[in-house]
Amino acid sequence: MITDNIFRPLDSLVLISSLGFYFMYGFLINDFFDMSYDIAAGKKRTIQQLPKMKFIGIILGVVFISALHLLYLGNSLYIAIYIVSYVLATLYSAPPIKFKGRAFSGIIVNGLIEKMLPVLAVFTFFNHFEIDTLVFLIASFSIGIVDIVVHQIYDYESDSQSDVRTFAVNTGIDKTLNLFNNLINPLSGVIMIILLFLIILKVPYAGLIAALVFMIYAGAFLSIYKGKFNRGEKVFPLYMSCLFFLILNAFPPFLAFVLTLKSYPNLVFLIIAVSSQYYIVKSRFKAVKEKVMPHTEIFIDTELQDGT
């Protein structure tokens, strides 16, 4: 069992790349099996313009490259979790099981494949099984649940018309919004705050980043309250947007910077972390220019019941 990969930049880079191809596969397989639904709903995807066989060829190419990553890494537990994730990602979109259209089980499987299992795979790769592992797993799962429920709320009309029995469609939009506001968000928010304190406990200087983000969002709240900014997000509450931005966007580059200070070869991880936030930073500058405060990943113009 490899236990010192943090000091082996190449192995860690291959690990990051393997997860990148896993997520790529998940998006591709989802778009492949949802193509007819997306076209009917008027959702345009560049991939829709490709011939079907070429689309399948791209998917198979991603699978092959993923396999090469696993052969290089050679960590049996990591490989096992990776394969389970791959299978679930396929069954999430592919008939006859198609977990996506199975209401409650759909959001559970999505929470596993989008966040929790990849996080578990990383901890497994580094052979790190402590209390912080459990906290990260629970937090990542709750973040995944929040994400998928938000998307299902926005896709409610198109999913209803396509008879896709998602959790939101099966439960009803009003009940889903009620659950989202009064249970899912508060519970996930508490879990994310626990994760926040854990990160600060492990890396005290992370508290400075947290304080800075909280101050920025406090200023955003005042600007919205005074009418200087519009709240572009109709469903996602501002306090959750703050926690999401802090944990998913602000902390990764900072923690990569800490790694770089410990060992300069880790500079490559800082470059990757900063580069991964390019579109987020770009969207934030656009939001400031347009005086709109949206959720980091969701830009919707459709008017919905105000769930905030």
Protein backbone atom coordinates (compact mmCIF):
# COMPACT_ATOMS: atom_id res chain seq x y z
CA MET A 1 0.00 0.00 0.00
CA ILE A 2 1.40 3.38 -1.01
CA THR A 3 1.31 5.78 1.92
CA ASP A 4 3.63 8.62 0.85
CA ASN A 5 2.11 9.78 -2.43
CA ILE A 6 1.96 13.35 -1.18
CA PHE A 7 5.74 13.41 -1.67
CA ARG A 8 5.44 11.92 -5.17
CA PRO A 9 4.05 14.70 -7.39
CA LEU A 10 3.79 12.54 -10.51
CA ASP A 11 1.57 9.96 -8.78
CA SER A 12 -0.61 12.70 -7.38
CA LEU A 13 -0.91 14.32 -10.80
CA VAL A 14 -1.99 11.02 -12.33
CA LEU A 15 -4.50 10.67 -9.48
CA ILE A 16 -5.98 14.11 -10.28
CA SER A 17 -6.05 13.28 -13.99
CA SER A 18 -7.82 9.97 -13.35
CA LEU A 19 -10.56 11.77 -11.46
CA GLY A 20 -10.81 14.31 -14.26
CA PHE A 21 -11.44 11.56 -16.78
CA TYR A 22 -13.94 9.94 -14.41
CA PHE A 23 -15.98 13.14 -14.26
CA MET A 24 -15.60 13.55 -18.01
CA TYR A 25 -17.05 10.07 -18.49
CA GLY A 26 -19.96 10.88 -16.15
CA PHE A 27 -20.91 14.00 -18.12
CA LEU A 28 -20.54 12.25 -21.47
CA ILE A 29 -22.55 9.17 -20.56
CA ASN A 30 -25.26 11.36 -19.05
CA ASP A 31 -25.45 13.51 -22.20
CA PHE A 32 -25.50 10.39 -24.39
CA PHE A 33 -28.50 8.78 -22.72
CA ASP A 34 -30.28 12.11 -22.13
CA MET A 35 -29.81 13.40 -25.68
CA SER A 36 -33.40 12.85 -26.77
CA TYR A 37 -34.73 14.44 -23.55
CA ASP A 38 -32.38 17.43 -23.86
CA ILE A 39 -33.35 18.02 -27.49
CA ALA A 40 -37.05 17.81 -26.62
CA ALA A 41 -36.52 20.27 -23.76
CA GLY A 42 -34.59 22.65 -26.00
CA LYS A 43 -31.28 22.16 -24.18
CA LYS A 44 -28.43 22.64 -26.61
CA ARG A 45 -25.23 20.63 -26.20
CA THR A 46 -22.29 20.83 -28.58
CA ILE A 47 -21.96 17.07 -28.31
CA GLN A 48 -25.43 16.68 -29.88
CA GLN A 49 -24.00 17.72 -33.23
CA LEU A 50 -21.69 14.69 -33.36
CA PRO A 51 -22.64 11.48 -35.19
CA LYS A 52 -23.72 8.80 -32.71
CA MET A 53 -20.79 6.48 -33.47
CA LYS A 54 -18.28 9.28 -32.99
CA PHE A 55 -19.95 10.12 -29.66
CA ILE A 56 -19.61 6.46 -28.59
CA GLY A 57 -15.98 6.49 -29.77
CA ILE A 58 -15.21 9.47 -27.53
CA ILE A 59 -16.79 7.73 -24.55
CA LEU A 60 -14.81 4.53 -25.19
CA GLY A 61 -11.65 6.62 -25.57
CA VAL A 62 -12.23 8.20 -22.16
CA VAL A 63 -12.80 4.74 -20.64
CA PHE A 64 -9.54 3.49 -22.17
CA ILE A 65 -7.53 6.46 -20.88
CA SER A 66 -9.11 6.01 -17.44
CA ALA A 67 -7.96 2.37 -17.46
CA LEU A 68 -4.41 3.46 -18.29
CA HIS A 69 -4.46 5.76 -15.24
CA LEU A 70 -5.52 2.87 -13.02
CA LEU A 71 -2.78 0.61 -14.41
CA TYR A 72 -0.19 3.23 -13.57
CA LEU A 73 -1.51 3.94 -10.06
CA GLY A 74 -1.81 0.26 -9.18
CA ASN A 75 -3.66 0.86 -5.92
CA SER A 76 -6.19 -1.97 -5.58
CA LEU A 77 -8.58 -0.17 -3.19
CA TYR A 78 -8.52 2.99 -5.29
CA ILE A 79 -9.18 0.94 -8.42
CA ALA A 80 -12.10 -0.87 -6.74
CA ILE A 81 -13.79 2.39 -5.67
CA TYR A 82 -13.08 3.94 -9.07
CA ILE A 83 -14.74 1.04 -10.90
CA VAL A 84 -17.76 1.09 -8.57
CA SER A 85 -18.07 4.82 -9.24
CA TYR A 86 -17.86 4.21 -13.00
CA VAL A 87 -20.59 1.55 -12.84
CA LEU A 88 -22.90 3.73 -10.74
CA ALA A 89 -22.28 6.73 -13.01
CA THR A 90 -23.35 4.57 -15.94
CA LEU A 91 -26.42 3.16 -14.20
CA TYR A 92 -27.39 6.65 -13.10
CA SER A 93 -28.11 7.60 -16.71
CA ALA A 94 -28.42 4.31 -18.60
CA PRO A 95 -31.60 2.25 -18.92
CA PRO A 96 -33.09 0.02 -17.72
CA ILE A 97 -32.07 1.07 -14.19
CA LYS A 98 -31.52 4.81 -14.84
CA PHE A 99 -31.28 5.92 -11.22
CA LYS A 100 -31.78 9.52 -12.33
CA GLY A 101 -35.47 8.78 -12.90
CA ARG A 102 -35.96 6.86 -9.65
CA ALA A 103 -36.79 9.75 -7.32
CA PHE A 104 -35.10 9.37 -3.90
CA SER A 105 -32.59 6.71 -4.97
CA GLY A 106 -31.58 9.04 -7.79
CA ILE A 107 -30.38 11.84 -5.53
CA ILE A 108 -28.61 9.32 -3.27
CA VAL A 109 -26.70 7.77 -6.16
CA ASN A 110 -25.87 11.22 -7.54
CA GLY A 111 -24.51 12.30 -4.16
CA LEU A 112 -22.29 9.22 -4.20
CA ILE A 113 -20.92 9.44 -7.73
CA GLU A 114 -20.43 13.21 -7.96
CA LYS A 115 -18.83 13.87 -4.60
CA MET A 116 -18.58 11.16 -1.93
CA LEU A 117 -17.02 8.24 -3.83
CA PRO A 118 -14.33 10.38 -5.52
CA VAL A 119 -13.43 11.84 -2.12
CA LEU A 120 -13.33 8.35 -0.60
CA ALA A 121 -11.09 7.21 -3.46
CA VAL A 122 -8.59 9.99 -2.71
CA PHE A 123 -8.45 9.18 1.00
CA THR A 124 -8.06 5.51 0.10
CA PHE A 125 -5.20 6.29 -2.28
CA PHE A 126 -3.31 8.01 0.52
CA ASN A 127 -4.32 5.32 3.02
CA HIS A 128 -5.73 7.98 5.34
CA PHE A 129 -8.61 6.79 7.50
CA GLU A 130 -9.16 9.15 10.43
CA ILE A 131 -12.10 11.12 11.87
CA ASP A 132 -11.44 13.87 9.32
CA THR A 133 -12.00 11.29 6.57
CA LEU A 134 -15.52 10.70 7.87
CA VAL A 135 -16.23 14.43 8.10
CA PHE A 136 -15.06 14.99 4.52
CA LEU A 137 -17.17 12.08 3.26
CA ILE A 138 -20.34 13.24 5.00
CA ALA A 139 -19.79 16.83 3.87
CA SER A 140 -19.09 15.84 0.27
CA PHE A 141 -22.21 13.69 0.18
CA SER A 142 -24.38 16.50 1.57
CA ILE A 143 -22.91 18.96 -0.96
CA GLY A 144 -23.77 16.51 -3.74
CA ILE A 145 -27.35 16.21 -2.48
CA VAL A 146 -27.77 19.99 -2.41
CA ASP A 147 -26.38 20.31 -5.93
CA ILE A 148 -28.60 17.68 -7.50
CA VAL A 149 -31.77 18.89 -5.78
CA VAL A 150 -31.09 22.44 -7.01
CA HIS A 151 -30.67 21.19 -10.57
CA GLN A 152 -33.80 19.07 -10.33
CA ILE A 153 -35.76 22.09 -9.13
CA TYR A 154 -34.61 24.09 -12.15
CA ASP A 155 -35.27 21.16 -14.49
CA TYR A 156 -38.68 20.47 -12.98
CA GLU A 157 -40.75 21.65 -15.95
CA SER A 158 -38.68 19.90 -18.62
CA ASP A 159 -38.42 16.71 -16.54
CA SER A 160 -42.18 16.73 -15.96
CA GLN A 161 -42.87 17.13 -19.67
CA SER A 162 -40.41 14.34 -20.48
CA ASP A 163 -41.89 12.11 -17.76
CA VAL A 164 -38.51 11.78 -16.03
CA ARG A 165 -39.42 10.81 -12.46
CA THR A 166 -36.75 12.72 -10.59
CA PHE A 167 -37.01 13.37 -6.87
CA ALA A 168 -38.41 16.86 -7.53
CA VAL A 169 -40.97 15.60 -10.06
CA ASN A 170 -42.02 12.70 -7.85
CA THR A 171 -42.29 14.87 -4.73
CA GLY A 172 -43.75 17.96 -6.37
CA ILE A 173 -42.13 21.38 -6.72
CA ASP A 174 -43.73 22.92 -3.63
CA LYS A 175 -42.80 20.05 -1.31
CA THR A 176 -39.32 19.86 -2.82
CA LEU A 177 -38.73 23.57 -2.21
CA ASN A 178 -40.02 23.18 1.34
CA LEU A 179 -37.68 20.25 2.02
CA PHE A 180 -34.82 22.07 0.35
CA ASN A 181 -35.22 25.24 2.42
CA ASN A 182 -36.15 23.72 5.78
CA LEU A 183 -34.16 20.48 5.90
CA ILE A 184 -31.59 19.90 3.14
CA ASN A 185 -29.97 23.34 3.22
CA PRO A 186 -29.81 23.80 7.02
CA LEU A 187 -28.49 20.27 7.59
CA SER A 188 -25.90 20.56 4.82
CA GLY A 189 -24.94 24.04 6.05
CA VAL A 190 -24.21 22.71 9.55
CA ILE A 191 -22.14 19.85 8.12
CA MET A 192 -20.16 22.26 5.93
CA ILE A 193 -19.46 24.53 8.90
CA ILE A 194 -18.12 21.50 10.81
CA LEU A 195 -15.88 20.76 7.82
CA LEU A 196 -14.83 24.41 7.78
CA PHE A 197 -13.73 24.27 11.41
CA LEU A 198 -11.89 21.01 10.76
CA ILE A 199 -9.94 22.58 7.89
CA ILE A 200 -9.08 25.60 10.03
CA LEU A 201 -8.02 23.29 12.86
CA LYS A 202 -5.66 21.46 10.49
CA VAL A 203 -4.49 24.62 8.67
CA PRO A 204 -5.01 27.65 10.98
CA TYR A 205 -4.23 30.21 8.27
CA ALA A 206 -7.29 28.97 6.39
CA GLY A 207 -9.27 31.00 8.92
CA LEU A 208 -8.05 34.17 7.17
CA ILE A 209 -9.51 32.97 3.87
CA ALA A 210 -12.78 32.06 5.60
CA ALA A 211 -12.99 35.49 7.27
CA LEU A 212 -12.31 37.24 3.95
CA VAL A 213 -15.03 35.27 2.11
CA PHE A 214 -17.53 35.86 4.93
CA MET A 215 -16.83 39.61 4.80
CA ILE A 216 -17.27 39.69 1.02
CA TYR A 217 -20.60 37.90 1.29
CA ALA A 218 -21.68 40.15 4.15
CA GLY A 219 -20.98 43.10 1.84
CA ALA A 220 -22.93 41.37 -0.92
CA PHE A 221 -25.86 40.87 1.46
CA LEU A 222 -25.88 44.57 2.36
CA SER A 223 -25.67 45.53 -1.32
CA ILE A 224 -28.63 43.26 -2.11
CA TYR A 225 -30.57 44.60 0.88
CA LYS A 226 -29.96 48.19 -0.25
CA GLY A 227 -30.95 47.36 -3.82
CA LYS A 228 -27.48 47.92 -5.30
CA PHE A 229 -27.22 44.27 -6.38
CA ASN A 230 -29.85 41.90 -7.70
CA ARG A 231 -30.16 38.38 -6.28
CA GLY A 232 -29.89 36.46 -9.54
CA GLU A 233 -30.39 33.13 -7.77
CA LYS A 234 -34.05 32.24 -7.18
CA VAL A 235 -33.54 29.02 -5.22
CA PHE A 236 -30.08 28.84 -3.69
CA PRO A 237 -29.87 30.87 -0.43
CA LEU A 238 -26.99 33.31 -0.03
CA TYR A 239 -25.56 31.63 3.09
CA MET A 240 -25.23 28.35 1.17
CA SER A 241 -23.69 30.14 -1.78
CA CYS A 242 -21.10 31.55 0.63
CA LEU A 243 -20.26 28.12 2.09
CA PHE A 244 -20.12 26.51 -1.36
CA PHE A 245 -17.80 29.22 -2.68
CA LEU A 246 -15.56 29.00 0.37
CA ILE A 247 -15.15 25.22 0.38
CA LEU A 248 -15.26 24.47 -3.34
CA ASN A 249 -13.56 27.55 -4.78
CA ALA A 250 -11.57 29.53 -2.21
CA PHE A 251 -9.98 26.76 -0.15
CA PRO A 252 -8.53 24.56 -2.94
CA PRO A 253 -6.07 27.19 -4.30
CA PHE A 254 -5.17 28.26 -0.77
CA LEU A 255 -4.47 24.70 0.40
CA ALA A 256 -2.45 24.09 -2.78
CA PHE A 257 -0.47 27.22 -1.89
CA VAL A 258 0.22 25.74 1.56
CA LEU A 259 1.47 22.54 -0.09
CA THR A 260 3.73 24.64 -2.32
CA LEU A 261 5.28 26.35 0.69
CA LYS A 262 6.03 22.95 2.20
CA SER A 263 7.59 21.59 -1.00
CA TYR A 264 8.21 23.65 -4.13
CA PRO A 265 7.61 20.73 -6.56
CA ASN A 266 3.97 20.99 -5.40
CA LEU A 267 3.77 24.25 -7.36
CA VAL A 268 2.13 22.25 -10.13
CA PHE A 269 -0.86 21.60 -7.84
CA LEU A 270 -1.18 25.32 -7.17
CA ILE A 271 -1.22 25.98 -10.92
CA ILE A 272 -3.93 23.35 -11.43
CA ALA A 273 -6.01 24.66 -8.51
CA VAL A 274 -5.81 28.27 -9.70
CA SER A 275 -6.53 27.30 -13.31
CA SER A 276 -9.57 25.30 -12.25
CA GLN A 277 -11.12 28.47 -10.85
CA TYR A 278 -10.71 30.53 -14.03
CA TYR A 279 -14.35 30.38 -15.14
CA ILE A 280 -15.59 30.97 -11.60
CA VAL A 281 -13.46 34.11 -11.26
CA LYS A 282 -14.57 35.23 -14.73
CA SER A 283 -18.23 34.76 -13.82
CA ARG A 284 -17.75 36.67 -10.56
CA PHE A 285 -16.23 39.65 -12.35
CA LYS A 286 -19.14 39.54 -14.79
CA ALA A 287 -21.58 39.38 -11.88
CA VAL A 288 -20.00 42.43 -10.21
CA LYS A 289 -20.12 44.33 -13.51
CA GLU A 290 -23.79 43.45 -14.01
CA LYS A 291 -24.58 43.91 -10.30
CA VAL A 292 -26.03 40.42 -9.97
CA MET A 293 -25.20 37.91 -7.23
CA PRO A 294 -25.73 34.37 -8.62
CA HIS A 295 -24.87 30.94 -7.26
CA THR A 296 -21.37 29.92 -8.38
CA GLU A 297 -22.45 27.18 -10.77
CA ILE A 298 -26.03 28.05 -11.69
CA PHE A 299 -27.08 30.81 -14.04
CA ILE A 300 -30.83 30.67 -14.65
CA ASP A 301 -33.14 33.33 -16.03
CA THR A 302 -36.32 31.28 -15.60
CA GLU A 303 -38.64 32.72 -12.98
CA LEU A 304 -39.35 30.21 -10.22
CA GLN A 305 -41.04 30.35 -6.90
CA ASP A 306 -38.70 32.24 -4.62
CA GLY A 307 -37.17 29.63 -2.34
CA THR A 308 -34.78 31.96 -0.58
